[in-house]
PDB file of all heavy atoms in Angstrom:
ATOM      1  N   GLU A   1     214.284   5.689 234.541  1.00  0.00           N
ATOM      2  CA  GLU A   1     213.861   4.390 234.873  1.00  0.00           C
ATOM      3  C   GLU A   1     212.864   4.484 236.117  1.00  0.00           C
ATOM      4  O   GLU A   1     213.108   5.258 236.998  1.00  0.00           O
ATOM      5  CB  GLU A   1     214.977   3.495 235.163  1.00  0.00           C
ATOM      6  CG  GLU A   1     214.593   2.039 235.263  1.00  0.00           C
ATOM      7  CD  GLU A   1     215.836   1.176 235.366  1.00  0.00           C
ATOM      8  OE1 GLU A   1     216.999   1.550 235.042  1.00  0.00           O
ATOM      9  OE2 GLU A   1     215.775  -0.007 235.780  1.00  0.00           O
ATOM     10  N   ASN A   2     211.777   3.565 236.037  1.00  0.00           N
ATOM     11  CA  ASN A   2     210.876   3.513 237.096  1.00  0.00           C
ATOM     12  C   ASN A   2     210.326   4.886 237.464  1.00  0.00           C
ATOM     13  O   ASN A   2     210.460   5.343 238.731  1.00  0.00           O
ATOM     14  CB  ASN A   2     211.595   2.964 238.329  1.00  0.00           C
ATOM     15  CG  ASN A   2     212.062   1.473 238.057  1.00  0.00           C
ATOM     16  OD1 ASN A   2     211.321   0.706 237.400  1.00  0.00           O
ATOM     17  ND2 ASN A   2     213.205   1.209 238.556  1.00  0.00           N
ATOM     18  N   VAL A   3     209.618   5.512 236.590  1.00  0.00           N
ATOM     19  CA  VAL A   3     209.019   6.822 236.853  1.00  0.00           C
ATOM     20  C   VAL A   3     207.561   6.779 236.533  1.00  0.00           C
ATOM     21  O   VAL A   3     207.065   6.157 235.584  1.00  0.00           O
ATOM     22  CB  VAL A   3     209.716   7.913 236.008  1.00  0.00           C
ATOM     23  CG1 VAL A   3     209.523   7.661 234.550  1.00  0.00           C
ATOM     24  CG2 VAL A   3     209.378   9.305 236.359  1.00  0.00           C
ATOM     25  N   VAL A   4     206.746   7.586 237.325  1.00  0.00           N
ATOM     26  CA  VAL A   4     205.301   7.853 237.076  1.00  0.00           C
ATOM     27  C   VAL A   4     205.198   9.360 236.897  1.00  0.00           C
ATOM     28  O   VAL A   4     205.550  10.066 237.732  1.00  0.00           O
ATOM     29  CB  VAL A   4     204.523   7.259 238.287  1.00  0.00           C
ATOM     30  CG1 VAL A   4     202.953   7.631 238.043  1.00  0.00           C
ATOM     31  CG2 VAL A   4     204.642   5.816 238.411  1.00  0.00           C
ATOM     32  N   VAL A   5     204.535   9.741 235.813  1.00  0.00           N
ATOM     33  CA  VAL A   5     204.452  11.206 235.499  1.00  0.00           C
ATOM     34  C   VAL A   5     202.888  11.347 235.255  1.00  0.00           C
ATOM     35  O   VAL A   5     202.233  10.700 234.409  1.00  0.00           O
ATOM     36  CB  VAL A   5     205.145  11.653 234.149  1.00  0.00           C
ATOM     37  CG1 VAL A   5     204.879  13.062 233.948  1.00  0.00           C
ATOM     38  CG2 VAL A   5     206.607  11.433 234.454  1.00  0.00           C
ATOM     39  N   LYS A   6     202.380  12.332 235.917  1.00  0.00           N
ATOM     40  CA  LYS A   6     200.916  12.745 235.709  1.00  0.00           C
ATOM     41  C   LYS A   6     200.748  14.191 235.655  1.00  0.00           C
ATOM     42  O   LYS A   6     201.232  14.900 236.424  1.00  0.00           O
ATOM     43  CB  LYS A   6     199.946  12.206 236.829  1.00  0.00           C
ATOM     44  CG  LYS A   6     198.584  12.360 236.603  1.00  0.00           C
ATOM     45  CD  LYS A   6     197.790  11.774 237.767  1.00  0.00           C
ATOM     46  CE  LYS A   6     196.300  11.923 237.589  1.00  0.00           C
ATOM     47  NZ  LYS A   6     195.515  11.305 238.682  1.00  0.00           N
ATOM     48  N   ALA A   7     200.192  14.662 234.520  1.00  0.00           N
ATOM     49  CA  ALA A   7     200.079  16.156 234.264  1.00  0.00           C
ATOM     50  C   ALA A   7     198.787  16.455 233.543  1.00  0.00           C
ATOM     51  O   ALA A   7     198.103  15.559 232.998  1.00  0.00           O
ATOM     52  CB  ALA A   7     201.313  16.637 233.504  1.00  0.00           C
ATOM     53  N   TYR A   8     198.431  17.641 233.410  1.00  0.00           N
ATOM     54  CA  TYR A   8     197.248  18.124 232.621  1.00  0.00           C
ATOM     55  C   TYR A   8     197.471  17.924 231.130  1.00  0.00           C
ATOM     56  O   TYR A   8     196.564  17.412 230.502  1.00  0.00           O
ATOM     57  CB  TYR A   8     196.949  19.589 233.001  1.00  0.00           C
ATOM     58  CG  TYR A   8     195.757  20.163 232.144  1.00  0.00           C
ATOM     59  CD1 TYR A   8     194.536  19.654 232.355  1.00  0.00           C
ATOM     60  CD2 TYR A   8     196.095  21.151 231.231  1.00  0.00           C
ATOM     61  CE1 TYR A   8     193.466  20.258 231.548  1.00  0.00           C
ATOM     62  CE2 TYR A   8     195.000  21.625 230.547  1.00  0.00           C
ATOM     63  CZ  TYR A   8     193.759  21.217 230.694  1.00  0.00           C
ATOM     64  OH  TYR A   8     192.694  21.695 229.945  1.00  0.00           O
ATOM     65  N   ARG A   9     198.665  18.252 230.611  1.00  0.00           N
ATOM     66  CA  ARG A   9     198.918  18.068 229.223  1.00  0.00           C
ATOM     67  C   ARG A   9     200.481  18.168 229.064  1.00  0.00           C
ATOM     68  O   ARG A   9     201.231  18.509 229.917  1.00  0.00           O
ATOM     69  CB  ARG A   9     198.276  19.117 228.421  1.00  0.00           C
ATOM     70  CG  ARG A   9     198.795  20.551 228.628  1.00  0.00           C
ATOM     71  CD  ARG A   9     198.145  21.530 227.772  1.00  0.00           C
ATOM     72  NE  ARG A   9     198.733  22.855 227.970  1.00  0.00           N
ATOM     73  CZ  ARG A   9     199.004  23.695 227.072  1.00  0.00           C
ATOM     74  NH1 ARG A   9     198.818  23.357 225.814  1.00  0.00           N
ATOM     75  NH2 ARG A   9     199.564  24.872 227.364  1.00  0.00           N
ATOM     76  N   ASP A  10     200.917  17.849 227.858  1.00  0.00           N
ATOM     77  CA  ASP A  10     202.336  18.052 227.560  1.00  0.00           C
ATOM     78  C   ASP A  10     203.227  17.233 228.498  1.00  0.00           C
ATOM     79  O   ASP A  10     204.095  17.873 229.191  1.00  0.00           O
ATOM     80  CB  ASP A  10     202.750  19.433 227.426  1.00  0.00           C
ATOM     81  CG  ASP A  10     202.077  20.228 226.349  1.00  0.00           C
ATOM     82  OD1 ASP A  10     201.476  19.678 225.441  1.00  0.00           O
ATOM     83  OD2 ASP A  10     202.079  21.572 226.345  1.00  0.00           O
ATOM     84  N   CYS A  11     203.022  15.985 228.663  1.00  0.00           N
ATOM     85  CA  CYS A  11     203.812  15.195 229.522  1.00  0.00           C
ATOM     86  C   CYS A  11     204.433  13.971 228.897  1.00  0.00           C
ATOM     87  O   CYS A  11     203.889  13.377 228.004  1.00  0.00           O
ATOM     88  CB  CYS A  11     203.024  14.898 230.741  1.00  0.00           C
ATOM     89  SG  CYS A  11     201.511  13.947 230.480  1.00  0.00           S
ATOM     90  N   ALA A  12     205.515  13.545 229.438  1.00  0.00           N
ATOM     91  CA  ALA A  12     206.235  12.375 229.012  1.00  0.00           C
ATOM     92  C   ALA A  12     207.288  11.944 230.008  1.00  0.00           C
ATOM     93  O   ALA A  12     207.456  12.734 230.994  1.00  0.00           O
ATOM     94  CB  ALA A  12     206.938  12.643 227.661  1.00  0.00           C
ATOM     95  N   ALA A  13     207.896  10.993 229.869  1.00  0.00           N
ATOM     96  CA  ALA A  13     208.926  10.445 230.912  1.00  0.00           C
ATOM     97  C   ALA A  13     210.203  11.310 230.947  1.00  0.00           C
ATOM     98  O   ALA A  13     210.793  11.500 231.973  1.00  0.00           O
ATOM     99  CB  ALA A  13     209.356   9.088 230.572  1.00  0.00           C
ATOM    100  N   LEU A  14     210.487  11.989 229.708  1.00  0.00           N
ATOM    101  CA  LEU A  14     211.618  12.822 229.718  1.00  0.00           C
ATOM    102  C   LEU A  14     211.384  14.349 229.483  1.00  0.00           C
ATOM    103  O   LEU A  14     211.763  15.166 230.293  1.00  0.00           O
ATOM    104  CB  LEU A  14     212.602  12.359 228.647  1.00  0.00           C
ATOM    105  CG  LEU A  14     213.982  12.784 228.596  1.00  0.00           C
ATOM    106  CD1 LEU A  14     214.642  12.482 230.038  1.00  0.00           C
ATOM    107  CD2 LEU A  14     214.849  12.162 227.527  1.00  0.00           C
ATOM    108  N   VAL A  15     210.667  14.687 228.452  1.00  0.00           N
ATOM    109  CA  VAL A  15     210.406  16.130 228.033  1.00  0.00           C
ATOM    110  C   VAL A  15     208.948  16.247 227.802  1.00  0.00           C
ATOM    111  O   VAL A  15     208.404  15.648 226.898  1.00  0.00           O
ATOM    112  CB  VAL A  15     211.307  16.503 226.797  1.00  0.00           C
ATOM    113  CG1 VAL A  15     210.951  17.931 226.483  1.00  0.00           C
ATOM    114  CG2 VAL A  15     212.754  16.350 227.125  1.00  0.00           C
ATOM    115  N   GLY A  16     208.243  17.148 228.417  1.00  0.00           N
ATOM    116  CA  GLY A  16     206.853  17.484 228.313  1.00  0.00           C
ATOM    117  C   GLY A  16     206.750  18.102 226.885  1.00  0.00           C
ATOM    118  O   GLY A  16     205.824  17.678 226.052  1.00  0.00           O
ATOM    119  N   HIS A  17     207.432  19.172 226.630  1.00  0.00           N
ATOM    120  CA  HIS A  17     207.309  19.792 225.332  1.00  0.00           C
ATOM    121  C   HIS A  17     208.678  20.236 224.772  1.00  0.00           C
ATOM    122  O   HIS A  17     209.437  20.959 225.350  1.00  0.00           O
ATOM    123  CB  HIS A  17     206.467  21.098 225.506  1.00  0.00           C
ATOM    124  CG  HIS A  17     206.281  21.818 224.152  1.00  0.00           C
ATOM    125  ND1 HIS A  17     205.596  23.033 224.153  1.00  0.00           N
ATOM    126  CD2 HIS A  17     206.710  21.694 222.876  1.00  0.00           C
ATOM    127  CE1 HIS A  17     205.534  23.511 222.930  1.00  0.00           C
ATOM    128  NE2 HIS A  17     206.184  22.696 222.134  1.00  0.00           N
ATOM    129  N   ALA A  18     209.084  19.535 223.671  1.00  0.00           N
ATOM    130  CA  ALA A  18     210.402  19.882 222.979  1.00  0.00           C
ATOM    131  C   ALA A  18     210.047  20.968 222.018  1.00  0.00           C
ATOM    132  O   ALA A  18     209.476  20.817 220.874  1.00  0.00           O
ATOM    133  CB  ALA A  18     210.882  18.642 222.180  1.00  0.00           C
ATOM    134  N   ASN A  19     210.407  22.262 222.376  1.00  0.00           N
ATOM    135  CA  ASN A  19     210.085  23.398 221.685  1.00  0.00           C
ATOM    136  C   ASN A  19     211.307  23.718 220.637  1.00  0.00           C
ATOM    137  O   ASN A  19     212.157  23.072 220.487  1.00  0.00           O
ATOM    138  CB  ASN A  19     209.786  24.604 222.538  1.00  0.00           C
ATOM    139  CG  ASN A  19     208.890  25.619 221.845  1.00  0.00           C
ATOM    140  OD1 ASN A  19     208.825  25.779 220.643  1.00  0.00           O
ATOM    141  ND2 ASN A  19     208.254  26.475 222.650  1.00  0.00           N
ATOM    142  N   SER A  20     211.164  24.872 220.032  1.00  0.00           N
ATOM    143  CA  SER A  20     212.034  25.377 219.033  1.00  0.00           C
ATOM    144  C   SER A  20     213.536  25.128 219.375  1.00  0.00           C
ATOM    145  O   SER A  20     214.044  25.471 220.477  1.00  0.00           O
ATOM    146  CB  SER A  20     211.862  26.804 218.915  1.00  0.00           C
ATOM    147  OG  SER A  20     212.755  27.490 217.950  1.00  0.00           O
ATOM    148  N   GLY A  21     214.234  24.503 218.463  1.00  0.00           N
ATOM    149  CA  GLY A  21     215.591  24.297 218.597  1.00  0.00           C
ATOM    150  C   GLY A  21     216.155  23.207 219.574  1.00  0.00           C
ATOM    151  O   GLY A  21     217.256  23.098 219.836  1.00  0.00           O
ATOM    152  N   THR A  22     215.211  22.448 220.113  1.00  0.00           N
ATOM    153  CA  THR A  22     215.520  21.384 221.009  1.00  0.00           C
ATOM    154  C   THR A  22     215.846  20.150 220.346  1.00  0.00           C
ATOM    155  O   THR A  22     215.317  19.792 219.405  1.00  0.00           O
ATOM    156  CB  THR A  22     214.369  21.197 221.959  1.00  0.00           C
ATOM    157  OG1 THR A  22     214.111  22.346 222.717  1.00  0.00           O
ATOM    158  CG2 THR A  22     214.624  20.064 222.941  1.00  0.00           C
ATOM    159  N   VAL A  23     216.954  19.489 220.787  1.00  0.00           N
ATOM    160  CA  VAL A  23     217.289  18.088 220.275  1.00  0.00           C
ATOM    161  C   VAL A  23     217.128  17.094 221.472  1.00  0.00           C
ATOM    162  O   VAL A  23     217.838  17.325 222.481  1.00  0.00           O
ATOM    163  CB  VAL A  23     218.800  18.144 219.791  1.00  0.00           C
ATOM    164  CG1 VAL A  23     219.200  16.759 219.374  1.00  0.00           C
ATOM    165  CG2 VAL A  23     218.837  19.097 218.574  1.00  0.00           C
ATOM    166  N   VAL A  24     216.411  16.070 221.269  1.00  0.00           N
ATOM    167  CA  VAL A  24     216.354  14.882 222.275  1.00  0.00           C
ATOM    168  C   VAL A  24     216.772  13.664 221.478  1.00  0.00           C
ATOM    169  O   VAL A  24     216.101  13.213 220.612  1.00  0.00           O
ATOM    170  CB  VAL A  24     214.878  14.746 222.756  1.00  0.00           C
ATOM    171  CG1 VAL A  24     214.831  13.557 223.764  1.00  0.00           C
ATOM    172  CG2 VAL A  24     214.425  16.042 223.350  1.00  0.00           C
ATOM    173  N   LYS A  25     217.936  13.162 221.817  1.00  0.00           N
ATOM    174  CA  LYS A  25     218.546  12.191 221.005  1.00  0.00           C
ATOM    175  C   LYS A  25     219.301  11.091 221.895  1.00  0.00           C
ATOM    176  O   LYS A  25     220.032  11.575 222.827  1.00  0.00           O
ATOM    177  CB  LYS A  25     219.560  12.792 220.045  1.00  0.00           C
ATOM    178  CG  LYS A  25     220.102  11.985 218.970  1.00  0.00           C
ATOM    179  CD  LYS A  25     220.668  12.916 217.830  1.00  0.00           C
ATOM    180  CE  LYS A  25     222.125  12.872 217.728  1.00  0.00           C
ATOM    181  NZ  LYS A  25     222.614  13.631 216.678  1.00  0.00           N
ATOM    182  N   GLY A  26     219.190   9.811 221.585  1.00  0.00           N
ATOM    183  CA  GLY A  26     219.956   8.847 222.215  1.00  0.00           C
ATOM    184  C   GLY A  26     219.550   8.645 223.723  1.00  0.00           C
ATOM    185  O   GLY A  26     220.481   8.186 224.362  1.00  0.00           O
ATOM    186  N   CYS A  27     218.308   8.817 224.030  1.00  0.00           N
ATOM    187  CA  CYS A  27     217.964   8.611 225.453  1.00  0.00           C
ATOM    188  C   CYS A  27     217.196   7.411 225.511  1.00  0.00           C
ATOM    189  O   CYS A  27     216.688   6.851 224.620  1.00  0.00           O
ATOM    190  CB  CYS A  27     217.062   9.859 225.818  1.00  0.00           C
ATOM    191  SG  CYS A  27     217.954  11.485 225.793  1.00  0.00           S
ATOM    192  N   ALA A  28     217.072   6.882 226.708  1.00  0.00           N
ATOM    193  CA  ALA A  28     216.349   5.606 226.981  1.00  0.00           C
ATOM    194  C   ALA A  28     215.285   5.873 228.179  1.00  0.00           C
ATOM    195  O   ALA A  28     215.603   6.494 229.174  1.00  0.00           O
ATOM    196  CB  ALA A  28     217.375   4.620 227.439  1.00  0.00           C
ATOM    197  N   VAL A  29     214.105   5.361 227.989  1.00  0.00           N
ATOM    198  CA  VAL A  29     213.094   5.341 229.004  1.00  0.00           C
ATOM    199  C   VAL A  29     212.637   3.833 229.292  1.00  0.00           C
ATOM    200  O   VAL A  29     212.346   3.099 228.420  1.00  0.00           O
ATOM    201  CB  VAL A  29     211.838   6.131 228.534  1.00  0.00           C
ATOM    202  CG1 VAL A  29     210.745   6.055 229.551  1.00  0.00           C
ATOM    203  CG2 VAL A  29     212.243   7.581 228.305  1.00  0.00           C
ATOM    204  N   VAL A  30     212.809   3.498 230.527  1.00  0.00           N
ATOM    205  CA  VAL A  30     212.449   2.046 230.969  1.00  0.00           C
ATOM    206  C   VAL A  30     211.409   2.048 232.154  1.00  0.00           C
ATOM    207  O   VAL A  30     211.637   2.807 233.169  1.00  0.00           O
ATOM    208  CB  VAL A  30     213.785   1.302 231.302  1.00  0.00           C
ATOM    209  CG1 VAL A  30     213.414  -0.072 231.841  1.00  0.00           C
ATOM    210  CG2 VAL A  30     214.675   1.216 230.196  1.00  0.00           C
ATOM    211  N   ASP A  31     210.465   1.292 232.070  1.00  0.00           N
ATOM    212  CA  ASP A  31     209.513   1.111 233.205  1.00  0.00           C
ATOM    213  C   ASP A  31     208.904   2.474 233.666  1.00  0.00           C
ATOM    214  O   ASP A  31     209.100   2.954 234.660  1.00  0.00           O
ATOM    215  CB  ASP A  31     210.109   0.458 234.358  1.00  0.00           C
ATOM    216  CG  ASP A  31     210.550  -0.962 233.957  1.00  0.00           C
ATOM    217  OD1 ASP A  31     209.904  -1.709 233.169  1.00  0.00           O
ATOM    218  OD2 ASP A  31     211.602  -1.476 234.593  1.00  0.00           O
ATOM    219  N   ALA A  32     208.012   3.037 232.792  1.00  0.00           N
ATOM    220  CA  ALA A  32     207.404   4.331 232.992  1.00  0.00           C
ATOM    221  C   ALA A  32     205.864   4.313 232.794  1.00  0.00           C
ATOM    222  O   ALA A  32     205.397   3.547 231.907  1.00  0.00           O
ATOM    223  CB  ALA A  32     208.074   5.375 232.215  1.00  0.00           C
ATOM    224  N   VAL A  33     205.196   5.106 233.552  1.00  0.00           N
ATOM    225  CA  VAL A  33     203.775   5.346 233.258  1.00  0.00           C
ATOM    226  C   VAL A  33     203.601   6.847 233.158  1.00  0.00           C
ATOM    227  O   VAL A  33     203.944   7.675 234.083  1.00  0.00           O
ATOM    228  CB  VAL A  33     202.871   4.828 234.377  1.00  0.00           C
ATOM    229  CG1 VAL A  33     201.401   5.082 234.154  1.00  0.00           C
ATOM    230  CG2 VAL A  33     203.015   3.338 234.676  1.00  0.00           C
ATOM    231  N   VAL A  34     203.048   7.279 232.023  1.00  0.00           N
ATOM    232  CA  VAL A  34     202.791   8.682 231.658  1.00  0.00           C
ATOM    233  C   VAL A  34     201.298   8.822 231.504  1.00  0.00           C
ATOM    234  O   VAL A  34     200.786   8.176 230.709  1.00  0.00           O
ATOM    235  CB  VAL A  34     203.568   9.089 230.446  1.00  0.00           C
ATOM    236  CG1 VAL A  34     203.234  10.594 230.094  1.00  0.00           C
ATOM    237  CG2 VAL A  34     205.010   8.896 230.621  1.00  0.00           C
ATOM    238  N   THR A  35     200.761   9.834 232.226  1.00  0.00           N
ATOM    239  CA  THR A  35     199.274  10.133 232.148  1.00  0.00           C
ATOM    240  C   THR A  35     199.035  11.553 231.938  1.00  0.00           C
ATOM    241  O   THR A  35     199.466  12.446 232.778  1.00  0.00           O
ATOM    242  CB  THR A  35     198.482   9.594 233.370  1.00  0.00           C
ATOM    243  OG1 THR A  35     198.817   8.242 233.532  1.00  0.00           O
ATOM    244  CG2 THR A  35     197.064   9.808 233.195  1.00  0.00           C
ATOM    245  N   ALA A  36     198.288  11.866 230.819  1.00  0.00           N
ATOM    246  CA  ALA A  36     197.790  13.265 230.636  1.00  0.00           C
ATOM    247  C   ALA A  36     196.363  13.197 231.169  1.00  0.00           C
ATOM    248  O   ALA A  36     195.513  12.422 230.642  1.00  0.00           O
ATOM    249  CB  ALA A  36     197.779  13.701 229.177  1.00  0.00           C
ATOM    250  N   ASP A  37     196.021  13.845 232.275  1.00  0.00           N
ATOM    251  CA  ASP A  37     194.732  13.722 232.922  1.00  0.00           C
ATOM    252  C   ASP A  37     193.988  15.063 232.808  1.00  0.00           C
ATOM    253  O   ASP A  37     194.413  16.133 233.556  1.00  0.00           O
ATOM    254  CB  ASP A  37     195.019  13.296 234.371  1.00  0.00           C
ATOM    255  CG  ASP A  37     193.662  13.030 235.049  1.00  0.00           C
ATOM    256  OD1 ASP A  37     192.584  13.045 234.452  1.00  0.00           O
ATOM    257  OD2 ASP A  37     193.739  12.642 236.277  1.00  0.00           O
ATOM    258  N   GLN A  38     192.962  15.167 232.075  1.00  0.00           N
ATOM    259  CA  GLN A  38     192.207  16.324 231.931  1.00  0.00           C
ATOM    260  C   GLN A  38     190.758  16.112 232.462  1.00  0.00           C
ATOM    261  O   GLN A  38     189.759  16.680 232.036  1.00  0.00           O
ATOM    262  CB  GLN A  38     192.093  16.703 230.461  1.00  0.00           C
ATOM    263  CG  GLN A  38     193.439  17.232 230.017  1.00  0.00           C
ATOM    264  CD  GLN A  38     193.314  17.887 228.637  1.00  0.00           C
ATOM    265  OE1 GLN A  38     192.379  17.675 227.827  1.00  0.00           O
ATOM    266  NE2 GLN A  38     194.382  18.622 228.283  1.00  0.00           N
TER     267      GLN A  38
END
């Protein structure tokens, strides 16, 4: 909650890159700004 994320790529409020075998389930994101800035 209440997060600002800024990165070159692969960015999000919780996980930038969910790779092999990863499970992202039942999570909540509230009031966020995510920016991929190239």
